[in-house]
């Protein structure tokens, strides 16, 4: 039994590595798709023949039910609706990392947590320094964000040259960064005055979801239907509706209904029965006993496979290859007018540019160094301080979340566009400089991540 248990644990560790590998590949490819869509959006906005296409986003769409009509602009459906699914997946990723990933222990989590906090606080302070007591002061949350898809997409361009530990560090850092951005969104960027009555109803729905989790109910509908109701309540409450996605993610069960020993023993017994029941024919379909055994095996797999992982695997491709590209097409389209960057520059420009491009690597490096210096965390053996700083430059790619916060921070259209233009220019600069920095800091290293 001990041998079976050890084998299962070894397989589980291998599965966790495969989950990270799959996540990294999807995010990397998604970053490339996201880049293409961002470029397409900028071209559409700057080519007069196509500029009218953006007007379609202002058209209203919705539904009617029992005399009740609900409509929003297509832009709002994208930013408040589709992005709620994006935040649901972000929440699932955060929960997975806390349960079994790089954030599952203090020792593992310390370095990326300290790095992420430094990479959020320093950029925000730089922005505030430039924009203190100005009309753009509310945008301090813009340079705090890291776009994980773009960041991993840049790392993927160097392939096996980049140590796996550095990829894992940047991924964990970006996930903690996302968690920080979610807290900032929920507290500091309400969409309108807070409706506490709707928030009370939202609390009741959340309590219902928590009770489903406590009972380990594994039917997806028990989380999807209340989750949609929660989204509507948040939409009207003043708290940004996308936060509902994160809260739903935290209530989706991550537990198995059987332990590893029962799973191994039960599957071995069923497989032996399956072999004994063989009639040595190709068509298993004709063997009723084998079909029954397959049904029991399927139930065993369902019992050992957490619902949380099913949600994440099912939704991740949709978020990576549909929702984020659509968001980029809808939001990255800004007229790139050189007058935006003609001196004297409005404070929003240096606040975002220096916050992301200088504040991110500086904050990540200093916070990481302090954590290691005071023995709170350990630097991975195959990662150098130069690579930590280089990863910090790549973390300055703020794209998705930065644009998202930019849309919420300002009401003036010109200021929103100026923020977007600065985010796009800065993210491009961070991608190029980060790629060069990673290339230089890894050029003398042996390829160790086979």
Protein backbone atom coordinates (compact mmCIF):
# COMPACT_ATOMS: atom_id res chain seq x y z
CA UNK A 1 0.00 0.00 0.00
CA UNK A 2 2.90 2.35 0.80
CA UNK A 3 4.33 1.81 -2.68
CA UNK A 4 0.95 2.61 -4.30
CA UNK A 5 0.63 5.75 -2.19
CA UNK A 6 4.14 6.91 -3.10
CA UNK A 7 3.46 6.27 -6.77
CA UNK A 8 0.25 8.27 -6.58
CA UNK A 9 2.04 11.17 -4.88
CA UNK A 10 4.77 11.10 -7.52
CA UNK A 11 2.11 11.14 -10.24
CA UNK A 12 0.39 14.02 -8.45
CA UNK A 13 3.61 16.06 -8.38
CA UNK A 14 4.09 15.33 -12.08
CA UNK A 15 0.48 16.37 -12.75
CA UNK A 16 1.06 19.70 -10.94
CA UNK A 17 4.10 20.32 -13.13
CA UNK A 18 2.00 19.48 -16.19
CA UNK A 19 -0.75 21.85 -15.03
CA UNK A 20 1.83 24.66 -14.76
CA UNK A 21 3.34 23.70 -18.14
CA UNK A 22 -0.08 23.74 -19.81
CA UNK A 23 -0.96 27.04 -18.13
CA UNK A 24 2.33 28.60 -19.24
CA UNK A 25 1.93 27.43 -22.85
CA UNK A 26 -1.67 28.66 -23.07
CA UNK A 27 -0.80 32.01 -21.48
CA UNK A 28 2.23 32.42 -23.71
CA UNK A 29 0.26 31.72 -26.88
CA UNK A 30 -2.56 33.90 -25.56
CA UNK A 31 -0.10 36.76 -25.08
CA UNK A 32 0.81 36.60 -28.78
CA UNK A 33 -2.88 36.57 -29.78
CA UNK A 34 -3.49 39.48 -27.40
CA UNK A 35 -0.64 41.43 -29.00
CA UNK A 36 -2.07 40.89 -32.49
CA UNK A 37 -5.52 42.08 -31.36
CA UNK A 38 -4.05 45.15 -29.66
CA UNK A 39 -2.19 46.09 -32.84
CA UNK A 40 -5.37 45.51 -34.88
CA UNK A 41 -7.35 47.76 -32.51
CA UNK A 42 -4.78 50.57 -32.82
CA UNK A 43 -4.80 50.27 -36.62
CA UNK A 44 -8.61 50.39 -36.72
CA UNK A 45 -8.61 53.52 -34.56
CA UNK A 46 -5.95 55.29 -36.63
CA UNK A 47 -7.07 54.37 -40.17
CA UNK A 48 -9.99 56.68 -41.15
CA UNK A 49 -11.58 54.02 -43.35
CA UNK A 50 -12.03 51.73 -40.32
CA UNK A 51 -12.50 54.21 -37.48
CA UNK A 52 -16.31 53.98 -37.73
CA UNK A 53 -16.17 50.35 -36.56
CA UNK A 54 -15.72 51.50 -32.96
CA UNK A 55 -19.21 53.02 -33.02
CA UNK A 56 -20.69 49.51 -33.06
CA UNK A 57 -19.48 49.07 -29.49
CA UNK A 58 -21.88 51.82 -28.38
CA UNK A 59 -24.93 49.94 -29.67
CA UNK A 60 -27.17 48.42 -27.01
CA UNK A 61 -27.98 44.75 -26.63
CA UNK A 62 -29.82 42.80 -23.97
CA UNK A 63 -32.88 40.72 -23.23
CA UNK A 64 -36.49 40.92 -22.09
CA UNK A 65 -38.09 38.53 -19.64
CA UNK A 66 -41.61 38.67 -18.15
CA UNK A 67 -41.90 42.37 -18.87
CA UNK A 68 -38.41 43.14 -17.50
CA UNK A 69 -35.93 44.59 -20.00
CA UNK A 70 -32.19 44.66 -19.45
CA UNK A 71 -29.85 46.33 -21.93
CA UNK A 72 -26.25 47.54 -21.93
CA UNK A 73 -23.89 48.78 -24.62
CA UNK A 74 -21.74 46.12 -26.24
CA UNK A 75 -18.72 47.81 -24.65
CA UNK A 76 -20.29 47.32 -21.20
CA UNK A 77 -21.14 43.70 -21.98
CA UNK A 78 -17.46 43.16 -22.75
CA UNK A 79 -16.02 45.11 -19.80
CA UNK A 80 -18.59 44.09 -17.19
CA UNK A 81 -19.82 40.74 -18.53
CA UNK A 82 -17.05 38.92 -20.38
CA UNK A 83 -14.42 40.28 -18.01
CA UNK A 84 -16.35 38.79 -15.06
CA UNK A 85 -15.49 35.39 -16.57
CA UNK A 86 -11.87 36.54 -16.89
CA UNK A 87 -11.87 37.41 -13.18
CA UNK A 88 -13.51 34.06 -12.39
CA UNK A 89 -10.53 32.29 -13.98
CA UNK A 90 -8.11 34.65 -12.19
CA UNK A 91 -9.84 33.73 -8.92
CA UNK A 92 -9.53 30.02 -9.70
CA UNK A 93 -5.82 30.45 -10.47
CA UNK A 94 -5.27 32.31 -7.20
CA UNK A 95 -7.15 29.63 -5.25
CA UNK A 96 -5.21 26.80 -6.93
CA UNK A 97 -1.89 28.47 -6.17
CA UNK A 98 -2.90 28.94 -2.52
CA UNK A 99 -4.08 25.32 -2.16
CA UNK A 100 -1.39 23.36 -4.01
CA UNK A 101 0.83 25.74 -5.98
CA UNK A 102 3.58 28.28 -5.42
CA UNK A 103 1.57 30.08 -2.73
CA UNK A 104 0.68 26.95 -0.73
CA UNK A 105 3.38 27.43 1.91
CA UNK A 106 5.02 30.42 3.57
CA UNK A 107 8.43 29.38 2.28
CA UNK A 108 7.24 29.11 -1.33
CA UNK A 109 4.97 32.14 -1.26
CA UNK A 110 7.22 34.63 0.56
CA UNK A 111 9.39 35.70 -2.40
CA UNK A 112 6.61 36.30 -4.99
CA UNK A 113 4.36 37.93 -2.37
CA UNK A 114 7.03 40.39 -1.26
CA UNK A 115 8.02 41.01 -4.88
CA UNK A 116 4.42 41.64 -5.92
CA UNK A 117 3.76 44.03 -3.02
CA UNK A 118 6.91 46.00 -3.86
CA UNK A 119 5.89 45.96 -7.52
CA UNK A 120 2.53 47.50 -6.64
CA UNK A 121 3.47 50.03 -3.95
CA UNK A 122 6.45 51.71 -5.69
CA UNK A 123 4.65 52.30 -9.04
CA UNK A 124 1.62 53.70 -7.20
CA UNK A 125 3.87 56.07 -5.20
CA UNK A 126 5.66 57.22 -8.38
CA UNK A 127 2.30 57.94 -10.02
CA UNK A 128 1.06 59.84 -6.95
CA UNK A 129 4.31 61.84 -6.91
CA UNK A 130 3.63 63.14 -10.41
CA UNK A 131 -0.14 63.53 -10.09
CA UNK A 132 -0.62 64.74 -6.51
CA UNK A 133 -3.54 67.17 -6.23
CA UNK A 134 -4.29 67.04 -9.97
CA UNK A 135 -7.39 65.93 -11.89
CA UNK A 136 -5.60 62.71 -12.84
CA UNK A 137 -4.73 61.74 -9.24
CA UNK A 138 -7.34 58.96 -9.17
CA UNK A 139 -5.33 56.90 -11.68
CA UNK A 140 -2.78 55.72 -9.10
CA UNK A 141 -3.97 52.11 -9.53
CA UNK A 142 -3.07 52.02 -13.24
CA UNK A 143 0.69 51.28 -12.98
CA UNK A 144 0.18 48.65 -10.25
CA UNK A 145 -0.94 45.91 -12.65
CA UNK A 146 0.95 43.18 -14.52
CA UNK A 147 -0.50 41.44 -17.58
CA UNK A 148 0.33 37.77 -17.02
CA UNK A 149 -0.47 36.66 -20.59
CA UNK A 150 1.80 39.27 -22.17
CA UNK A 151 4.54 38.71 -19.60
CA UNK A 152 4.64 34.94 -20.14
CA UNK A 153 4.33 35.48 -23.89
CA UNK A 154 7.54 37.51 -23.82
CA UNK A 155 9.34 34.86 -21.75
CA UNK A 156 8.20 32.16 -24.19
CA UNK A 157 10.12 33.88 -27.01
CA UNK A 158 13.39 32.78 -25.35
CA UNK A 159 12.19 29.20 -24.84
CA UNK A 160 14.40 26.94 -22.69
CA UNK A 161 16.97 29.68 -22.22
CA UNK A 162 14.83 30.97 -19.33
CA UNK A 163 15.09 28.93 -16.08
CA UNK A 164 11.82 27.26 -15.06
CA UNK A 165 12.20 28.79 -11.58
CA UNK A 166 12.13 32.28 -13.10
CA UNK A 167 8.97 31.46 -15.06
CA UNK A 168 7.32 30.12 -11.91
CA UNK A 169 8.44 33.21 -9.95
CA UNK A 170 6.95 35.58 -12.54
CA UNK A 171 3.72 33.58 -12.75
CA UNK A 172 3.25 33.53 -8.96
CA UNK A 173 4.16 37.22 -8.76
CA UNK A 174 1.58 38.10 -11.43
CA UNK A 175 -1.10 36.05 -9.64
CA UNK A 176 -0.44 37.89 -6.35
CA UNK A 177 -0.42 41.12 -8.38
CA UNK A 178 -3.88 40.20 -9.75
CA UNK A 179 -5.12 39.61 -6.21
CA UNK A 180 -3.88 43.07 -5.21
CA UNK A 181 -5.55 44.64 -8.26
CA UNK A 182 -8.84 42.92 -7.36
CA UNK A 183 -8.71 44.40 -3.84
CA UNK A 184 -7.94 47.85 -5.27
CA UNK A 185 -10.83 47.56 -7.74
CA UNK A 186 -13.30 46.49 -5.07
CA UNK A 187 -12.38 49.20 -2.56
CA UNK A 188 -11.18 52.23 -4.51
CA UNK A 189 -12.92 52.11 -7.91
CA UNK A 190 -16.69 51.81 -7.42
CA UNK A 191 -18.76 52.36 -10.58
CA UNK A 192 -21.29 54.59 -8.75
CA UNK A 193 -22.62 55.28 -5.25
CA UNK A 194 -22.72 52.10 -3.15
CA UNK A 195 -26.17 50.49 -2.76
CA UNK A 196 -25.91 48.68 0.57
CA UNK A 197 -29.28 46.94 0.14
CA UNK A 198 -28.08 45.18 -3.01
CA UNK A 199 -24.79 44.38 -1.28
CA UNK A 200 -26.76 42.75 1.55
CA UNK A 201 -28.60 40.55 -0.97
CA UNK A 202 -25.25 39.79 -2.62
CA UNK A 203 -23.96 38.71 0.81
CA UNK A 204 -26.86 36.28 1.16
CA UNK A 205 -26.11 34.76 -2.27
CA UNK A 206 -22.43 34.50 -1.35
CA UNK A 207 -23.41 32.77 1.89
CA UNK A 208 -25.48 30.29 -0.14
CA UNK A 209 -22.47 29.56 -2.37
CA UNK A 210 -20.25 29.08 0.68
CA UNK A 211 -22.75 26.59 2.10
CA UNK A 212 -22.71 24.66 -1.21
CA UNK A 213 -18.91 24.55 -0.92
CA UNK A 214 -19.10 23.33 2.70
CA UNK A 215 -21.44 20.53 1.60
CA UNK A 216 -19.02 19.78 -1.29
CA UNK A 217 -21.83 19.98 -3.86
CA UNK A 218 -20.20 19.25 -7.21
CA UNK A 219 -22.94 20.14 -9.69
CA UNK A 220 -21.75 23.16 -11.75
CA UNK A 221 -25.29 24.62 -11.95
CA UNK A 222 -25.28 25.17 -8.16
CA UNK A 223 -22.48 27.72 -8.66
CA UNK A 224 -23.27 29.09 -12.13
CA UNK A 225 -26.90 30.14 -11.46
CA UNK A 226 -26.27 31.89 -8.10
CA UNK A 227 -23.09 33.33 -9.63
CA UNK A 228 -25.12 35.03 -12.38
CA UNK A 229 -27.52 36.43 -9.75
CA UNK A 230 -24.50 37.67 -7.76
CA UNK A 231 -23.16 39.39 -10.90
CA UNK A 232 -26.45 41.27 -11.42
CA UNK A 233 -26.48 42.36 -7.77
CA UNK A 234 -22.90 43.64 -7.93
CA UNK A 235 -23.68 45.40 -11.23
CA UNK A 236 -26.31 47.50 -9.48
CA UNK A 237 -24.51 47.86 -6.15
CA UNK A 238 -21.66 50.15 -7.24
CA UNK A 239 -18.93 47.53 -6.63
CA UNK A 240 -17.57 46.56 -10.03
CA UNK A 241 -19.49 43.55 -11.35
CA UNK A 242 -16.33 41.62 -12.26
CA UNK A 243 -15.56 41.15 -8.54
CA UNK A 244 -18.47 38.67 -8.51
CA UNK A 245 -16.36 36.36 -10.67
CA UNK A 246 -13.56 36.26 -8.09
CA UNK A 247 -15.96 35.61 -5.21
CA UNK A 248 -17.68 32.77 -7.08
CA UNK A 249 -14.26 31.23 -7.83
CA UNK A 250 -13.41 31.17 -4.14
CA UNK A 251 -16.55 29.12 -3.37
CA UNK A 252 -16.07 26.41 -6.02
CA UNK A 253 -14.93 23.19 -4.26
CA UNK A 254 -11.30 22.19 -4.53
CA UNK A 255 -11.67 18.99 -2.49
CA UNK A 256 -11.87 15.36 -3.59
CA UNK A 257 -14.65 13.10 -2.32
CA UNK A 258 -12.28 10.12 -2.01
CA UNK A 259 -8.68 9.98 -0.81
CA UNK A 260 -5.72 8.79 -2.84
CA UNK A 261 -5.57 5.30 -1.28
CA UNK A 262 -9.24 4.53 -1.96
CA UNK A 263 -8.85 5.85 -5.51
CA UNK A 264 -5.78 3.72 -6.22
CA UNK A 265 -7.16 0.55 -4.67
CA UNK A 266 -10.59 1.00 -6.26
CA UNK A 267 -9.17 1.64 -9.73
CA UNK A 268 -6.74 -1.29 -9.48
CA UNK A 269 -9.64 -3.59 -8.48
CA UNK A 270 -11.83 -2.35 -11.35
CA UNK A 271 -9.01 -2.65 -13.90
CA UNK A 272 -8.36 -6.25 -12.81
CA UNK A 273 -12.07 -6.98 -13.21
CA UNK A 274 -12.00 -5.31 -16.63
CA UNK A 275 -9.11 -7.55 -17.71
CA UNK A 276 -10.81 -10.69 -16.34
CA UNK A 277 -14.03 -9.83 -18.16
CA UNK A 278 -12.29 -9.52 -21.52
CA UNK A 279 -13.58 -11.70 -24.34
CA UNK A 280 -10.49 -10.88 -26.44
CA UNK A 281 -12.55 -8.90 -28.95
CA UNK A 282 -11.80 -5.43 -30.20
CA UNK A 283 -15.29 -4.05 -29.50
CA UNK A 284 -15.59 -3.27 -25.79
CA UNK A 285 -19.02 -1.89 -26.65
CA UNK A 286 -20.35 -5.43 -26.97
CA UNK A 287 -19.18 -6.45 -23.50
CA UNK A 288 -21.80 -5.33 -20.98
CA UNK A 289 -19.67 -6.20 -17.94
CA UNK A 290 -16.75 -4.12 -19.21
CA UNK A 291 -19.09 -1.25 -19.96
CA UNK A 292 -20.32 -1.35 -16.35
CA UNK A 293 -16.73 -1.35 -15.09
CA UNK A 294 -15.93 1.68 -17.30
CA UNK A 295 -18.92 3.45 -15.75
CA UNK A 296 -17.56 2.77 -12.25
CA UNK A 297 -14.08 3.97 -13.29
CA UNK A 298 -15.63 7.15 -14.63
CA UNK A 299 -17.30 7.74 -11.26
CA UNK A 300 -13.97 7.20 -9.49
CA UNK A 301 -12.34 9.83 -11.72
CA UNK A 302 -15.17 12.29 -11.04
CA UNK A 303 -14.72 11.76 -7.30
CA UNK A 304 -10.98 12.45 -7.38
CA UNK A 305 -11.11 15.37 -9.87
CA UNK A 306 -12.03 18.65 -8.05
CA UNK A 307 -14.77 20.80 -9.57
CA UNK A 308 -12.45 23.81 -9.31
CA UNK A 309 -9.98 22.24 -11.76
CA UNK A 310 -12.81 21.32 -14.15
CA UNK A 311 -13.98 24.94 -14.20
CA UNK A 312 -10.45 26.25 -14.74
CA UNK A 313 -9.60 23.82 -17.54
CA UNK A 314 -12.94 24.44 -19.24
CA UNK A 315 -12.84 28.24 -19.07
CA UNK A 316 -9.13 28.95 -19.54
CA UNK A 317 -9.08 28.50 -23.35
CA UNK A 318 -12.15 30.74 -23.70
CA UNK A 319 -10.53 33.47 -21.61
CA UNK A 320 -7.15 33.16 -23.34
CA UNK A 321 -8.31 32.98 -26.94
CA UNK A 322 -11.64 34.81 -26.92
CA UNK A 323 -12.40 37.06 -23.94
CA UNK A 324 -9.00 38.79 -23.62
CA UNK A 325 -8.59 39.30 -27.38
CA UNK A 326 -12.11 40.75 -27.58
CA UNK A 327 -11.30 43.04 -24.64
CA UNK A 328 -8.14 44.19 -26.44
CA UNK A 329 -10.03 44.85 -29.69
CA UNK A 330 -12.65 46.88 -27.82
CA UNK A 331 -10.36 48.83 -25.49
CA UNK A 332 -6.89 49.18 -27.04
CA UNK A 333 -8.12 51.29 -29.95
CA UNK A 334 -6.79 54.79 -29.30
CA UNK A 335 -5.71 57.46 -31.76
CA UNK A 336 -1.93 57.66 -31.42
CA UNK A 337 -1.51 61.42 -31.66
CA UNK A 338 2.06 62.57 -31.12
CA UNK A 339 0.73 65.73 -29.50
CA UNK A 340 -0.16 63.56 -26.49
CA UNK A 341 3.55 63.22 -25.79
CA UNK A 342 4.66 66.74 -26.70
CA UNK A 343 6.15 68.74 -23.80
CA UNK A 344 4.95 69.93 -21.42
CA UNK A 345 3.64 66.46 -20.65
CA UNK A 346 0.50 66.11 -18.55
CA UNK A 347 1.38 64.36 -15.24
CA UNK A 348 -0.55 61.21 -16.18
CA UNK A 349 2.08 60.35 -18.83
CA UNK A 350 5.22 60.22 -16.64
CA UNK A 351 3.13 58.78 -13.80
CA UNK A 352 2.15 55.71 -15.83
CA UNK A 353 5.33 55.46 -17.92
CA UNK A 354 7.82 55.66 -15.04
CA UNK A 355 5.48 53.82 -12.67
CA UNK A 356 5.39 50.75 -14.91
CA UNK A 357 8.80 50.90 -16.56
CA UNK A 358 10.91 51.99 -13.57
CA UNK A 359 8.70 51.45 -10.52
CA UNK A 360 7.88 47.81 -11.29
CA UNK A 361 11.45 46.46 -11.60
CA UNK A 362 12.69 48.68 -8.76
CA UNK A 363 9.87 47.64 -6.40
CA UNK A 364 10.14 43.94 -7.28
CA UNK A 365 13.94 43.90 -6.95
CA UNK A 366 14.15 45.85 -3.67
CA UNK A 367 11.30 43.95 -1.98
CA UNK A 368 12.77 40.59 -3.10
CA UNK A 369 16.26 41.56 -1.92
CA UNK A 370 14.94 42.64 1.49
CA UNK A 371 12.93 39.41 1.87
CA UNK A 372 16.04 37.32 1.12
CA UNK A 373 18.36 39.58 3.15
CA UNK A 374 16.23 39.15 6.29
CA UNK A 375 15.81 35.41 5.61
CA UNK A 376 12.05 35.66 5.08
CA UNK A 377 12.40 34.08 1.63
CA UNK A 378 14.97 32.23 -0.45
CA UNK A 379 16.21 33.03 -3.93
CA UNK A 380 15.92 29.96 -6.23
CA UNK A 381 19.33 28.38 -6.81
CA UNK A 382 19.20 28.75 -10.61
CA UNK A 383 17.98 32.38 -10.59
CA UNK A 384 20.25 35.45 -10.32
CA UNK A 385 19.46 38.92 -9.04
CA UNK A 386 19.92 40.24 -12.55
CA UNK A 387 17.17 37.92 -13.73
CA UNK A 388 14.88 39.08 -10.91
CA UNK A 389 15.36 42.68 -12.07
CA UNK A 390 14.81 41.62 -15.69
CA UNK A 391 11.59 39.83 -14.74
CA UNK A 392 10.57 43.07 -13.00
CA UNK A 393 10.95 44.94 -16.28
CA UNK A 394 8.69 42.41 -18.00
CA UNK A 395 6.20 42.81 -15.13
CA UNK A 396 5.92 46.43 -16.29
CA UNK A 397 3.66 45.19 -19.10
CA UNK A 398 0.40 46.39 -17.61
CA UNK A 399 -1.87 46.09 -20.64
CA UNK A 400 -5.15 44.31 -19.73
CA UNK A 401 -5.57 45.24 -16.06
CA UNK A 402 -4.03 48.70 -16.49
CA UNK A 403 -6.46 49.57 -19.30
CA UNK A 404 -9.29 48.12 -17.22
CA UNK A 405 -8.44 50.40 -14.27
CA UNK A 406 -7.86 53.35 -16.64
CA UNK A 407 -11.48 53.01 -17.83
CA UNK A 408 -12.69 53.19 -14.21
CA UNK A 409 -10.32 55.87 -12.88
CA UNK A 410 -11.37 58.69 -15.21
CA UNK A 411 -14.58 60.06 -16.65
CA UNK A 412 -13.01 62.42 -19.19
CA UNK A 413 -12.65 60.64 -22.57
CA UNK A 414 -9.47 62.53 -23.47
CA UNK A 415 -7.81 61.50 -20.20
CA UNK A 416 -8.88 57.87 -20.68
CA UNK A 417 -7.36 57.86 -24.18
CA UNK A 418 -4.18 59.51 -22.90
CA UNK A 419 -3.92 56.83 -20.24
CA UNK A 420 -4.46 54.05 -22.78
CA UNK A 421 -1.89 55.49 -25.17
CA UNK A 422 0.68 55.72 -22.38
CA UNK A 423 -0.08 52.16 -21.22
CA UNK A 424 0.38 50.83 -24.76
CA UNK A 425 3.66 52.67 -25.34
CA UNK A 426 4.99 51.69 -21.91
CA UNK A 427 3.95 48.04 -22.26
CA UNK A 428 5.72 47.85 -25.62
CA UNK A 429 8.87 49.42 -24.13
CA UNK A 430 8.74 47.04 -21.13
CA UNK A 431 8.36 44.04 -23.46
CA UNK A 432 11.36 45.02 -25.61
CA UNK A 433 13.64 46.06 -22.74
CA UNK A 434 12.59 43.07 -20.64
CA UNK A 435 13.29 40.68 -23.49
CA UNK A 436 16.76 42.19 -23.99
CA UNK A 437 17.47 42.12 -20.23
CA UNK A 438 16.43 38.47 -19.88
CA UNK A 439 18.54 37.56 -22.93
CA UNK A 440 21.61 39.28 -21.48
CA UNK A 441 21.22 37.86 -17.96
CA UNK A 442 20.79 34.29 -19.21
CA UNK A 443 23.38 34.24 -22.00
CA UNK A 444 26.08 32.51 -19.90
CA UNK A 445 23.75 30.04 -18.21
CA UNK A 446 23.49 26.40 -19.14
CA UNK A 447 20.08 25.23 -20.26
CA UNK A 448 18.84 23.44 -17.19
CA UNK A 449 15.10 23.17 -17.84
CA UNK A 450 14.93 20.27 -20.22
